[in-house]
Protein backbone atom coordinates (compact mmCIF):
# COMPACT_ATOMS: atom_id res chain seq x y z
CA UNK A 1 0.15 -0.03 0.05
CA UNK A 2 1.50 3.14 -1.19
CA UNK A 3 0.98 5.54 2.34
CA UNK A 4 -0.21 9.05 2.60
CA UNK A 5 -3.56 12.21 7.04
CA UNK A 6 -7.55 12.69 9.26
CA UNK A 7 -7.54 15.47 8.37
CA UNK A 8 -8.03 14.52 6.33
CA UNK A 9 -7.76 14.68 5.11
CA UNK A 10 -8.92 17.89 5.02
CA UNK A 11 -7.12 20.54 3.65
CA UNK A 12 -4.34 22.03 3.38
CA UNK A 13 -6.32 19.57 4.15
CA UNK A 14 -5.80 17.87 7.40
CA UNK A 15 -3.70 15.56 5.49
CA UNK A 16 -0.41 17.66 4.72
CA UNK A 17 1.73 14.87 3.49
CA UNK A 18 4.06 14.26 0.11
CA UNK A 19 2.67 13.67 -2.95
CA UNK A 20 5.86 11.17 -4.26
CA UNK A 21 5.74 7.51 -3.43
CA UNK A 22 7.45 8.14 -0.51
CA UNK A 23 4.39 9.80 1.15
CA UNK A 24 3.25 9.12 4.88
CA UNK A 25 0.20 7.59 5.50
CA UNK A 26 -2.55 9.06 8.01
CA UNK A 27 -3.41 12.15 6.64
CA UNK A 28 -6.92 13.53 5.99
CA UNK A 29 -6.71 17.32 6.49
CA UNK A 30 -4.04 18.73 3.97
CA UNK A 31 -2.10 16.41 1.79
CA UNK A 32 -0.82 19.33 -0.17
CA UNK A 33 1.60 20.62 2.17
CA UNK A 34 4.48 19.04 0.78
CA UNK A 35 4.43 20.49 -2.49
CA UNK A 36 5.72 23.54 -1.09
CA UNK A 37 8.95 21.65 -0.76
CA UNK A 38 9.74 21.97 -4.30
CA UNK A 39 8.61 25.55 -5.10
CA UNK A 40 11.10 27.99 -6.58
CA UNK A 41 12.32 31.35 -5.51
CA UNK A 42 13.49 32.31 -1.87
CA UNK A 43 12.57 34.89 0.88
CA UNK A 44 11.28 35.17 4.06
CA UNK A 45 7.51 34.32 4.66
CA UNK A 46 5.60 35.93 7.52
CA UNK A 47 3.35 32.47 7.22
CA UNK A 48 5.95 29.75 7.87
CA UNK A 49 8.16 32.31 10.03
CA UNK A 50 11.27 30.88 8.18
CA UNK A 51 13.83 32.31 5.56
CA UNK A 52 13.74 30.67 2.95
CA UNK A 53 9.94 30.25 3.18
CA UNK A 54 8.76 26.58 3.64
CA UNK A 55 6.77 26.30 0.81
CA UNK A 56 9.74 27.63 -1.34
CA UNK A 57 12.95 26.17 -0.04
CA UNK A 58 15.39 25.59 -2.79
CA UNK A 59 17.49 22.20 -2.87
CA UNK A 60 20.35 24.27 -1.61
CA UNK A 61 18.95 25.12 1.20
CA UNK A 62 18.74 21.73 2.71
CA UNK A 63 22.33 21.18 2.76
CA UNK A 64 22.67 22.35 6.17
CA UNK A 65 22.22 19.52 8.60
CA UNK A 66 19.06 19.73 10.83
CA UNK A 67 18.95 19.16 14.23
CA UNK A 68 18.38 15.64 14.95
CA UNK A 69 15.04 14.62 15.90
CA UNK A 70 13.73 17.88 14.88
CA UNK A 71 11.53 16.69 12.05
CA UNK A 72 10.04 14.17 14.11
CA UNK A 73 9.13 16.88 16.66
CA UNK A 74 7.61 18.82 14.28
CA UNK A 75 5.37 16.03 13.05
CA UNK A 76 4.64 15.50 16.70
CA UNK A 77 3.44 19.11 17.18
CA UNK A 78 1.49 18.45 13.93
CA UNK A 79 -0.40 15.86 15.18
CA UNK A 80 -1.12 17.61 18.57
CA UNK A 81 -2.48 20.31 16.33
CA UNK A 82 -4.47 18.28 14.27
CA UNK A 83 -5.90 16.50 16.90
CA UNK A 84 -6.69 19.51 19.17
CA UNK A 85 -8.83 20.78 16.03
CA UNK A 86 -10.82 17.50 15.85
CA UNK A 87 -11.36 17.91 19.63
CA UNK A 88 -12.69 21.36 18.90
CA UNK A 89 -15.06 20.33 16.14
CA UNK A 90 -16.55 17.87 18.42
CA UNK A 91 -17.07 20.63 20.81
CA UNK A 92 -19.02 22.78 18.85
CA UNK A 93 -22.15 20.85 18.52
CA UNK A 94 -24.33 23.67 18.13
CA UNK A 95 -22.90 24.44 14.81
CA UNK A 96 -23.49 22.06 11.93
CA UNK A 97 -20.53 20.51 10.51
CA UNK A 98 -21.27 22.20 6.93
CA UNK A 99 -21.05 25.60 8.76
CA UNK A 100 -17.82 24.91 10.60
CA UNK A 101 -16.52 24.03 7.01
CA UNK A 102 -17.84 27.41 5.57
CA UNK A 103 -15.87 29.29 8.66
CA UNK A 104 -12.71 27.38 7.95
CA UNK A 105 -12.84 28.25 4.23
CA UNK A 106 -13.39 31.99 4.97
CA UNK A 107 -10.47 31.92 7.52
CA UNK A 108 -8.06 30.07 5.23
CA UNK A 109 -9.03 32.43 2.34
CA UNK A 110 -8.27 35.41 4.00
CA UNK A 111 -4.37 33.86 4.84
CA UNK A 112 -4.24 32.45 1.21
CA UNK A 113 -4.93 35.53 -0.59
CA UNK A 114 -2.24 37.43 0.35
CA UNK A 115 0.18 34.89 -0.31
CA UNK A 116 -1.14 34.08 -3.80
CA UNK A 117 -0.33 37.92 -4.69
CA UNK A 118 2.92 37.99 -3.02
CA UNK A 119 3.96 35.14 -5.06
CA UNK A 120 2.05 36.24 -8.31
CA UNK A 121 1.03 32.82 -9.42
CA UNK A 122 -2.51 34.30 -10.56
CA UNK A 123 -5.89 33.05 -9.50
CA UNK A 124 -6.48 30.56 -12.08
CA UNK A 125 -3.96 28.32 -13.12
CA UNK A 126 -2.44 26.79 -16.09
CA UNK A 127 -5.23 25.94 -18.72
CA UNK A 128 -4.10 22.05 -19.06
CA UNK A 129 -4.55 22.11 -15.02
CA UNK A 130 -7.85 23.68 -14.45
CA UNK A 131 -9.73 20.71 -14.29
CA UNK A 132 -7.70 18.97 -11.92
CA UNK A 133 -7.53 22.15 -9.88
CA UNK A 134 -11.54 22.15 -9.72
CA UNK A 135 -11.88 18.54 -8.88
CA UNK A 136 -8.92 19.01 -6.13
CA UNK A 137 -10.90 21.92 -4.62
CA UNK A 138 -14.52 19.98 -4.68
CA UNK A 139 -13.29 16.69 -3.47
CA UNK A 140 -10.99 18.21 -0.92
CA UNK A 141 -13.71 20.44 0.73
CA UNK A 142 -16.36 17.63 0.68
CA UNK A 143 -13.74 15.52 2.45
CA UNK A 144 -13.41 18.27 5.14
CA UNK A 145 -17.16 18.41 5.62
CA UNK A 146 -17.52 14.63 5.99
CA UNK A 147 -14.78 14.50 8.68
CA UNK A 148 -16.57 17.04 10.53
CA UNK A 149 -19.40 15.24 10.51
CA UNK A 150 -18.01 12.47 11.16
CA UNK A 151 -16.35 13.97 14.57
CA UNK A 152 -19.87 15.22 15.52
CA UNK A 153 -21.27 12.41 15.17
CA UNK A 154 -19.32 9.57 16.74
CA UNK A 155 -16.82 9.16 19.36
CA UNK A 156 -13.26 11.09 18.60
CA UNK A 157 -11.26 8.05 18.17
CA UNK A 158 -13.21 5.78 16.08
CA UNK A 159 -13.57 8.75 13.63
CA UNK A 160 -9.77 9.45 13.58
CA UNK A 161 -8.81 5.76 13.30
CA UNK A 162 -10.95 5.46 10.37
CA UNK A 163 -9.29 8.68 8.77
CA UNK A 164 -6.14 6.54 8.63
CA UNK A 165 -7.82 4.19 6.01
CA UNK A 166 -7.26 6.82 3.32
CA UNK A 167 -3.80 4.98 2.20
CA UNK A 168 -5.78 1.97 1.06
CA UNK A 169 -7.76 3.91 -1.27
CA UNK A 170 -5.21 6.02 -2.51
CA UNK A 171 -3.08 2.99 -3.37
CA UNK A 172 -5.92 1.38 -5.23
CA UNK A 173 -6.70 4.70 -7.08
CA UNK A 174 -3.14 5.30 -7.94
CA UNK A 175 -3.01 1.60 -9.39
CA UNK A 176 -6.06 2.41 -11.70
CA UNK A 177 -5.69 6.11 -12.53
CA UNK A 178 -1.88 6.32 -12.20
CA UNK A 179 -0.92 3.04 -13.53
CA UNK A 180 1.46 2.54 -10.16
CA UNK A 181 2.03 -0.54 -8.87
CA UNK A 182 -0.02 -2.69 -6.36
CA UNK A 183 1.85 -5.23 -4.61
CA UNK A 184 0.69 -8.20 -2.31
CA UNK A 185 1.90 -6.17 0.86
CA UNK A 186 -0.48 -3.69 -0.44
CA UNK A 187 -2.89 -6.18 -0.45
CA UNK A 188 -1.98 -7.10 3.13
CA UNK A 189 -2.12 -3.83 4.31
CA UNK A 190 -5.56 -3.13 2.78
CA UNK A 191 -7.12 -6.43 4.72
CA UNK A 192 -5.22 -5.05 7.94
CA UNK A 193 -7.34 -1.89 7.66
CA UNK A 194 -10.44 -3.36 6.40
CA UNK A 195 -10.23 -5.49 9.74
CA UNK A 196 -9.81 -2.59 11.71
CA UNK A 197 -12.62 -0.61 10.32
CA UNK A 198 -14.76 -3.27 10.53
CA UNK A 199 -13.97 -3.77 14.59
CA UNK A 200 -14.80 -0.24 15.07
CA UNK A 201 -17.99 -0.26 13.06
CA UNK A 202 -19.05 -3.67 14.76
CA UNK A 203 -21.91 -4.46 12.27
CA UNK A 204 -24.82 -6.05 14.01
CA UNK A 205 -24.87 -9.22 11.83
CA UNK A 206 -21.44 -10.01 13.30
CA UNK A 207 -21.18 -8.25 16.69
CA UNK A 208 -24.98 -8.48 17.84
CA UNK A 209 -26.72 -5.11 19.12
CA UNK A 210 -24.58 -4.87 22.04
CA UNK A 211 -21.16 -2.95 22.35
CA UNK A 212 -22.44 0.50 21.07
CA UNK A 213 -22.87 3.16 23.50
CA UNK A 214 -24.76 5.71 21.22
CA UNK A 215 -27.72 5.07 18.92
CA UNK A 216 -26.54 2.45 16.22
CA UNK A 217 -27.92 4.60 13.32
CA UNK A 218 -25.96 7.81 14.39
CA UNK A 219 -22.87 5.49 14.83
CA UNK A 220 -23.37 4.25 11.46
CA UNK A 221 -23.87 7.61 9.64
CA UNK A 222 -20.77 8.70 11.18
CA UNK A 223 -18.97 5.66 10.41
CA UNK A 224 -19.92 6.03 6.45
CA UNK A 225 -18.90 9.95 6.67
CA UNK A 226 -15.61 9.21 8.18
CA UNK A 227 -14.71 6.31 5.28
CA UNK A 228 -16.38 8.92 2.80
CA UNK A 229 -13.45 11.48 3.98
CA UNK A 230 -11.32 8.69 3.50
CA UNK A 231 -11.77 8.00 -0.10
CA UNK A 232 -12.44 11.47 -1.02
CA UNK A 233 -8.85 12.71 0.63
CA UNK A 234 -7.08 9.46 -1.25
CA UNK A 235 -8.75 11.11 -4.58
CA UNK A 236 -7.69 14.41 -3.74
CA UNK A 237 -3.95 12.82 -3.36
CA UNK A 238 -4.33 11.37 -6.56
CA UNK A 239 -4.95 14.38 -8.25
CA UNK A 240 -2.19 16.23 -6.51
CA UNK A 241 0.11 13.72 -7.66
CA UNK A 242 -1.15 13.54 -11.10
CA UNK A 243 -0.47 17.25 -11.16
CA UNK A 244 2.68 17.21 -9.60
CA UNK A 245 4.77 19.90 -9.07
CA UNK A 246 3.71 21.99 -11.89
CA UNK A 247 1.01 23.84 -10.20
CA UNK A 248 1.64 26.09 -7.20
CA UNK A 249 1.29 25.07 -3.91
CA UNK A 250 -0.84 27.86 -2.58
CA UNK A 251 -3.00 28.01 -5.88
CA UNK A 252 -4.14 24.28 -5.14
CA UNK A 253 -5.36 25.87 -1.47
CA UNK A 254 -7.19 28.32 -3.09
CA UNK A 255 -9.25 26.39 -5.04
CA UNK A 256 -9.92 24.54 -2.17
CA UNK A 257 -11.21 27.00 -0.29
CA UNK A 258 -12.97 29.14 -3.04
CA UNK A 259 -14.81 26.09 -4.20
CA UNK A 260 -15.26 24.82 -0.72
CA UNK A 261 -16.80 27.98 0.16
CA UNK A 262 -19.21 27.99 -2.76
CA UNK A 263 -20.33 24.16 -1.91
CA UNK A 264 -20.70 24.76 1.81
CA UNK A 265 -23.09 27.91 1.13
CA UNK A 266 -25.24 25.76 -1.30
CA UNK A 267 -25.54 22.88 1.01
CA UNK A 268 -26.44 25.33 3.76
CA UNK A 269 -28.99 26.57 1.91
CA UNK A 270 -30.66 23.61 0.90
CA UNK A 271 -30.43 22.15 4.20
CA UNK A 272 -31.46 25.55 5.90
CA UNK A 273 -28.82 25.34 8.84
CA UNK A 274 -26.95 28.72 8.52
CA UNK A 275 -26.89 30.65 11.87
CA UNK A 276 -24.13 32.21 13.59
CA UNK A 277 -23.33 30.56 16.81
CA UNK A 278 -24.86 31.93 19.67
CA UNK A 279 -22.22 31.02 22.07
CA UNK A 280 -19.06 33.26 22.27
CA UNK A 281 -17.10 29.97 23.33
CA UNK A 282 -18.12 28.10 20.03
CA UNK A 283 -17.37 31.34 17.89
CA UNK A 284 -13.63 31.15 19.70
CA UNK A 285 -13.68 27.47 18.96
CA UNK A 286 -14.27 28.17 15.32
CA UNK A 287 -11.28 30.66 15.17
CA UNK A 288 -9.02 27.83 16.90
CA UNK A 289 -10.14 25.20 14.67
CA UNK A 290 -8.81 27.06 11.68
CA UNK A 291 -5.79 28.20 13.49
CA UNK A 292 -4.68 24.63 14.77
CA UNK A 293 -5.47 23.26 11.36
CA UNK A 294 -3.05 26.12 9.89
CA UNK A 295 -0.46 25.15 12.47
CA UNK A 296 -0.80 21.57 12.01
CA UNK A 297 0.19 22.02 8.20
CA UNK A 298 3.12 24.30 8.64
CA UNK A 299 4.45 21.76 11.02
CA UNK A 300 3.86 18.70 8.93
CA UNK A 301 5.52 20.64 5.84
CA UNK A 302 8.54 21.48 8.13
CA UNK A 303 8.95 17.98 9.03
CA UNK A 304 8.82 16.62 5.57
CA UNK A 305 11.61 19.06 4.65
CA UNK A 306 14.23 17.68 6.98
CA UNK A 307 13.15 14.28 7.66
CA UNK A 308 12.52 11.31 5.96
CA UNK A 309 8.80 9.98 5.16
CA UNK A 310 8.85 7.14 6.82
CA UNK A 311 9.55 8.27 10.25
CA UNK A 312 7.46 11.22 9.84
CA UNK A 313 4.56 8.20 8.86
CA UNK A 314 5.25 6.41 12.02
CA UNK A 315 5.23 9.57 14.19
CA UNK A 316 2.19 10.88 12.36
CA UNK A 317 -0.04 7.88 14.01
CA UNK A 318 0.39 9.56 17.26
CA UNK A 319 -3.04 11.33 16.04
CA UNK A 320 -4.59 8.18 17.32
CA UNK A 321 -2.94 8.29 20.92
CA UNK A 322 -4.21 12.13 21.20
CA UNK A 323 -7.53 10.99 19.88
CA UNK A 324 -7.62 8.31 22.93
CA UNK A 325 -6.54 10.77 25.64
CA UNK A 326 -9.04 13.36 24.40
CA UNK A 327 -11.64 11.47 24.35
CA UNK A 328 -11.47 10.16 27.87
CA UNK A 329 -10.39 13.46 29.43
CA UNK A 330 -12.76 15.73 27.71
CA UNK A 331 -15.86 13.23 27.06
CA UNK A 332 -14.95 10.74 29.85
CA UNK A 333 -15.64 8.08 27.19
CA UNK A 334 -13.11 5.27 27.81
CA UNK A 335 -12.69 3.56 24.28
CA UNK A 336 -14.12 -0.18 23.98
CA UNK A 337 -11.73 -2.84 23.51
CA UNK A 338 -13.17 -3.18 19.99
CA UNK A 339 -12.15 0.13 19.20
CA UNK A 340 -8.60 -0.59 20.45
CA UNK A 341 -8.27 -3.48 18.49
CA UNK A 342 -9.43 -1.79 15.35
CA UNK A 343 -6.89 0.89 16.10
CA UNK A 344 -4.19 -1.45 16.45
CA UNK A 345 -5.06 -3.09 12.98
CA UNK A 346 -5.29 0.05 11.16
CA UNK A 347 -2.11 1.61 13.06
CA UNK A 348 -0.20 -1.76 12.38
CA UNK A 349 -1.46 -1.35 8.53
CA UNK A 350 0.16 2.42 8.47
CA UNK A 351 3.15 1.61 9.90
CA UNK A 352 3.90 -1.38 7.97
CA UNK A 353 3.49 0.34 4.94
CA UNK A 354 5.56 3.22 5.70
CA UNK A 355 8.44 1.06 6.90
CA UNK A 356 8.53 -0.83 4.12
CA UNK A 357 8.38 2.35 1.54
CA UNK A 358 11.41 3.73 3.88
CA UNK A 359 13.45 0.36 3.67
CA UNK A 360 13.00 0.16 -0.24
CA UNK A 361 13.90 3.97 -0.64
CA UNK A 362 17.23 3.50 1.64
CA UNK A 363 18.32 0.70 -0.92
């Protein structure tokens, strides 16, 4: 399985992982982030607080040896920020998941717009890639809405673990669309992931009606949303891999937030769910969701610039650990042994794929 992250996932996405074959697993929220590593030009960037900008680092800038372990530390910070963002989505129960997505698109648009103006890349992109940019924007924003809905309707740990199934779909879609190799090892890791998801979903025809605290219909809706997120996040990764580095990183994010905002407004109009949060705390949470998501994307980008993808992929599984901790502390909900078993299967699949790719690349 070709590894890729819950984003997921989500943008800049909630999965922020590289688009090469060395991409690590687990990323829903923001897969395009690593594209930045190969962009041209240099200069100080207010967004990344580094010089040259982390999204425009030249190969020469990598010659300086980084502090040992710094890349893994950045990865840990990224996992923590992603988990906090997921926790806040779970806490904002009075605001629909689609509306949370709309707020995030607006806030992220305010950040990406000056970056595009500064980089002078334009707002439309190359004609030959516009269809891919549109697909990236629609699929990426749909992925974000689905994972937010999953966080709101099912246990935090369950939703987080299911998002880590995205590499399974990435490897399959890359095999079909990009003619990339799908080995027996990929099939084995896929089976491990499927087994993990089944343990989390716990269908009644296999496990009976016991073992799920909340209404099973709600649990099932959240499960389908989380799996849908994994599918759309994987599709987004394949599209980004197809475009490669011929399209500016910030331009892909621009399509994501603009089309995402249009999509969320249309859905909110149909659902009739649009309403400003009455609670001041919810408004603060909406801002923090965007800020922590942005911080996670910056940290994962920095990590992938100075550390190999394999170790980063393994460290990214800390998302699951943080999700379990937050679920226990903030919701007083101890995960069941079924969830723990499912998490072990999914994480083992991701780690195995990362270690295999790491070993192959080191030959």
